[in-house]
Amino acid sequence: MNWDKKDHIISGIYQGVAYAGRVRKSQQKKMGEIHHTIDLFEPIYIDDTRYDSITVDDLPILSTDRPRLSA
C-alpha cells in the first residue's frame, strides 16, 4: 500500500498554520480519497483552539530526481 504513510514524519501548512508530526494512521475512503491522521510534535492553535493531532488529505509526493537530457 504505497498510500499508507503510517509512521512517516511530515510537515506542511494546515489552515494557514505550519505543522510537523508523525502519521498515526492512513485511511482510504470509499470514493478513493486518502486521509492521514497526524500526531503533532507541538500543538498548533487555530481560532484559539488547540490541536494535538490533525487529519489532512493525501500528501503529494514530489520526486527529487531531475529529468535527464540526452546529448
N, C-alpha and C. Protein backbone atom coordinates (compact mmCIF):
# COMPACT_ATOMS: atom_id res chain seq x y z
N MET A 1 0.85 -1.19 0.00
CA MET A 1 0.00 0.00 0.00
C MET A 1 0.88 1.23 0.00
N ASN A 2 1.16 1.78 -1.14
CA ASN A 2 2.03 2.95 -1.20
C ASN A 2 1.34 4.22 -0.70
N TRP A 3 0.04 4.21 -0.51
CA TRP A 3 -0.65 5.38 0.03
C TRP A 3 -0.59 5.41 1.56
N ASP A 4 -0.21 4.30 2.18
CA ASP A 4 -0.16 4.22 3.64
C ASP A 4 1.12 4.88 4.14
N LYS A 5 0.97 5.99 4.84
CA LYS A 5 2.12 6.78 5.32
C LYS A 5 2.36 6.61 6.82
N LYS A 6 1.78 5.56 7.43
CA LYS A 6 1.91 5.35 8.87
C LYS A 6 3.38 5.41 9.29
N ASP A 7 3.62 6.16 10.36
CA ASP A 7 4.94 6.37 10.96
C ASP A 7 5.86 7.29 10.16
N HIS A 8 5.41 7.83 9.03
CA HIS A 8 6.21 8.80 8.29
C HIS A 8 6.19 10.13 9.04
N ILE A 9 7.28 10.85 9.00
CA ILE A 9 7.35 12.19 9.58
C ILE A 9 7.11 13.19 8.46
N ILE A 10 6.14 14.07 8.67
CA ILE A 10 5.76 15.02 7.63
C ILE A 10 5.58 16.41 8.23
N SER A 11 5.57 17.39 7.35
CA SER A 11 5.29 18.77 7.76
C SER A 11 4.52 19.43 6.64
N GLY A 12 3.88 20.53 6.96
CA GLY A 12 3.11 21.24 5.95
C GLY A 12 2.41 22.43 6.56
N ILE A 13 1.38 22.89 5.87
CA ILE A 13 0.56 24.02 6.31
C ILE A 13 -0.87 23.51 6.45
N TYR A 14 -1.46 23.74 7.61
CA TYR A 14 -2.84 23.33 7.88
C TYR A 14 -3.63 24.57 8.27
N GLN A 15 -4.58 24.94 7.43
CA GLN A 15 -5.39 26.14 7.65
C GLN A 15 -4.53 27.35 7.97
N GLY A 16 -3.43 27.49 7.24
CA GLY A 16 -2.55 28.65 7.37
C GLY A 16 -1.52 28.57 8.47
N VAL A 17 -1.45 27.43 9.17
CA VAL A 17 -0.51 27.26 10.28
C VAL A 17 0.46 26.12 9.96
N ALA A 18 1.75 26.37 10.15
CA ALA A 18 2.75 25.34 9.90
C ALA A 18 2.65 24.24 10.96
N TYR A 19 2.87 22.99 10.52
CA TYR A 19 2.84 21.86 11.45
C TYR A 19 3.93 20.86 11.07
N ALA A 20 4.26 20.00 12.02
CA ALA A 20 5.14 18.86 11.80
C ALA A 20 4.70 17.76 12.75
N GLY A 21 4.77 16.52 12.27
CA GLY A 21 4.35 15.41 13.12
C GLY A 21 4.56 14.07 12.45
N ARG A 22 4.07 13.03 13.13
CA ARG A 22 4.19 11.66 12.64
C ARG A 22 2.79 11.13 12.29
N VAL A 23 2.67 10.46 11.16
CA VAL A 23 1.39 9.91 10.73
C VAL A 23 1.02 8.74 11.64
N ARG A 24 -0.11 8.86 12.32
CA ARG A 24 -0.62 7.78 13.18
C ARG A 24 -1.32 6.72 12.34
N LYS A 25 -2.15 7.18 11.37
CA LYS A 25 -2.84 6.22 10.51
C LYS A 25 -3.21 6.88 9.19
N SER A 26 -3.32 6.04 8.17
CA SER A 26 -3.77 6.47 6.85
C SER A 26 -5.01 5.66 6.52
N GLN A 27 -6.00 6.32 5.93
CA GLN A 27 -7.25 5.63 5.57
C GLN A 27 -7.63 5.95 4.15
N GLN A 28 -8.09 4.92 3.44
CA GLN A 28 -8.63 5.12 2.10
C GLN A 28 -10.15 5.04 2.21
N LYS A 29 -10.82 6.09 1.80
CA LYS A 29 -12.27 6.17 1.89
C LYS A 29 -12.91 5.48 0.69
N LYS A 30 -14.24 5.34 0.73
CA LYS A 30 -14.98 4.62 -0.32
C LYS A 30 -14.75 5.19 -1.71
N MET A 31 -14.66 6.49 -1.82
CA MET A 31 -14.52 7.12 -3.14
C MET A 31 -13.05 7.21 -3.56
N GLY A 32 -12.14 6.60 -2.79
CA GLY A 32 -10.74 6.57 -3.15
C GLY A 32 -9.89 7.66 -2.52
N GLU A 33 -10.53 8.61 -1.81
CA GLU A 33 -9.75 9.66 -1.16
C GLU A 33 -8.93 9.05 -0.03
N ILE A 34 -7.77 9.63 0.19
CA ILE A 34 -6.89 9.15 1.25
C ILE A 34 -6.70 10.27 2.26
N HIS A 35 -6.84 9.93 3.54
CA HIS A 35 -6.68 10.88 4.63
C HIS A 35 -5.65 10.34 5.61
N HIS A 36 -4.88 11.25 6.20
CA HIS A 36 -3.85 10.88 7.16
C HIS A 36 -4.12 11.60 8.48
N THR A 37 -4.09 10.86 9.58
CA THR A 37 -4.19 11.44 10.91
C THR A 37 -2.76 11.61 11.43
N ILE A 38 -2.44 12.84 11.83
CA ILE A 38 -1.07 13.19 12.21
C ILE A 38 -1.04 13.61 13.68
N ASP A 39 -0.17 12.94 14.45
CA ASP A 39 0.11 13.37 15.81
C ASP A 39 1.21 14.43 15.74
N LEU A 40 0.88 15.63 16.17
CA LEU A 40 1.80 16.76 16.03
C LEU A 40 2.91 16.71 17.08
N PHE A 41 4.11 17.12 16.68
CA PHE A 41 5.22 17.21 17.62
C PHE A 41 4.99 18.32 18.64
N GLU A 42 4.36 19.41 18.18
CA GLU A 42 3.96 20.51 19.06
C GLU A 42 2.55 20.92 18.66
N PRO A 43 1.72 21.29 19.63
CA PRO A 43 0.35 21.67 19.28
C PRO A 43 0.32 22.93 18.41
N ILE A 44 -0.73 23.03 17.60
CA ILE A 44 -0.98 24.25 16.84
C ILE A 44 -2.28 24.85 17.34
N TYR A 45 -2.44 26.14 17.11
CA TYR A 45 -3.64 26.85 17.56
C TYR A 45 -4.30 27.51 16.35
N ILE A 46 -5.60 27.24 16.20
CA ILE A 46 -6.40 27.85 15.15
C ILE A 46 -7.65 28.41 15.81
N ASP A 47 -7.86 29.72 15.66
CA ASP A 47 -9.01 30.40 16.29
C ASP A 47 -9.11 30.05 17.77
N ASP A 48 -7.99 30.14 18.48
CA ASP A 48 -7.93 29.89 19.92
C ASP A 48 -8.24 28.45 20.32
N THR A 49 -8.24 27.53 19.36
CA THR A 49 -8.45 26.11 19.67
C THR A 49 -7.13 25.39 19.49
N ARG A 50 -6.78 24.57 20.49
CA ARG A 50 -5.52 23.82 20.46
C ARG A 50 -5.74 22.47 19.77
N TYR A 51 -4.82 22.13 18.86
CA TYR A 51 -4.85 20.84 18.16
C TYR A 51 -3.56 20.08 18.43
N ASP A 52 -3.69 18.87 18.98
CA ASP A 52 -2.56 17.99 19.20
C ASP A 52 -2.41 16.97 18.07
N SER A 53 -3.49 16.82 17.30
CA SER A 53 -3.47 15.96 16.11
C SER A 53 -4.42 16.58 15.09
N ILE A 54 -4.17 16.28 13.82
CA ILE A 54 -5.00 16.79 12.73
C ILE A 54 -5.18 15.69 11.69
N THR A 55 -6.18 15.85 10.83
CA THR A 55 -6.38 14.95 9.71
C THR A 55 -6.26 15.77 8.43
N VAL A 56 -5.42 15.30 7.51
CA VAL A 56 -5.19 16.01 6.26
C VAL A 56 -5.47 15.09 5.09
N ASP A 57 -5.76 15.70 3.94
CA ASP A 57 -5.92 14.94 2.70
C ASP A 57 -4.57 14.37 2.28
N ASP A 58 -4.61 13.44 1.35
CA ASP A 58 -3.38 12.80 0.89
C ASP A 58 -2.33 13.82 0.51
N LEU A 59 -1.09 13.48 0.78
CA LEU A 59 0.03 14.38 0.56
C LEU A 59 0.64 14.11 -0.81
N PRO A 60 0.87 15.14 -1.60
CA PRO A 60 1.52 14.91 -2.89
C PRO A 60 2.97 14.49 -2.67
N ILE A 61 3.42 13.59 -3.49
CA ILE A 61 4.80 13.12 -3.42
C ILE A 61 5.57 13.76 -4.57
N LEU A 62 6.61 14.48 -4.23
CA LEU A 62 7.42 15.14 -5.24
C LEU A 62 8.71 14.37 -5.42
N SER A 63 9.03 14.06 -6.64
CA SER A 63 10.26 13.33 -6.92
C SER A 63 11.44 14.29 -6.87
N THR A 64 12.53 13.82 -6.32
CA THR A 64 13.74 14.65 -6.29
C THR A 64 14.65 14.34 -7.48
N ASP A 65 14.25 13.38 -8.29
CA ASP A 65 15.00 13.07 -9.49
C ASP A 65 14.76 14.14 -10.54
N ARG A 66 15.83 14.56 -11.17
CA ARG A 66 15.71 15.55 -12.25
C ARG A 66 15.65 14.80 -13.58
N PRO A 67 14.85 15.31 -14.49
CA PRO A 67 14.83 14.68 -15.81
C PRO A 67 16.20 14.77 -16.45
N ARG A 68 16.57 13.74 -17.14
CA ARG A 68 17.88 13.73 -17.78
C ARG A 68 17.71 13.95 -19.28
N LEU A 69 18.55 14.80 -19.80
CA LEU A 69 18.51 15.10 -21.21
C LEU A 69 19.58 14.29 -21.93
N SER A 70 19.22 13.80 -23.09
CA SER A 70 20.22 13.08 -23.87
C SER A 70 21.01 14.08 -24.72
N ALA A 71 22.24 13.76 -25.01
CA ALA A 71 23.10 14.66 -25.78
C ALA A 71 22.82 14.56 -27.25
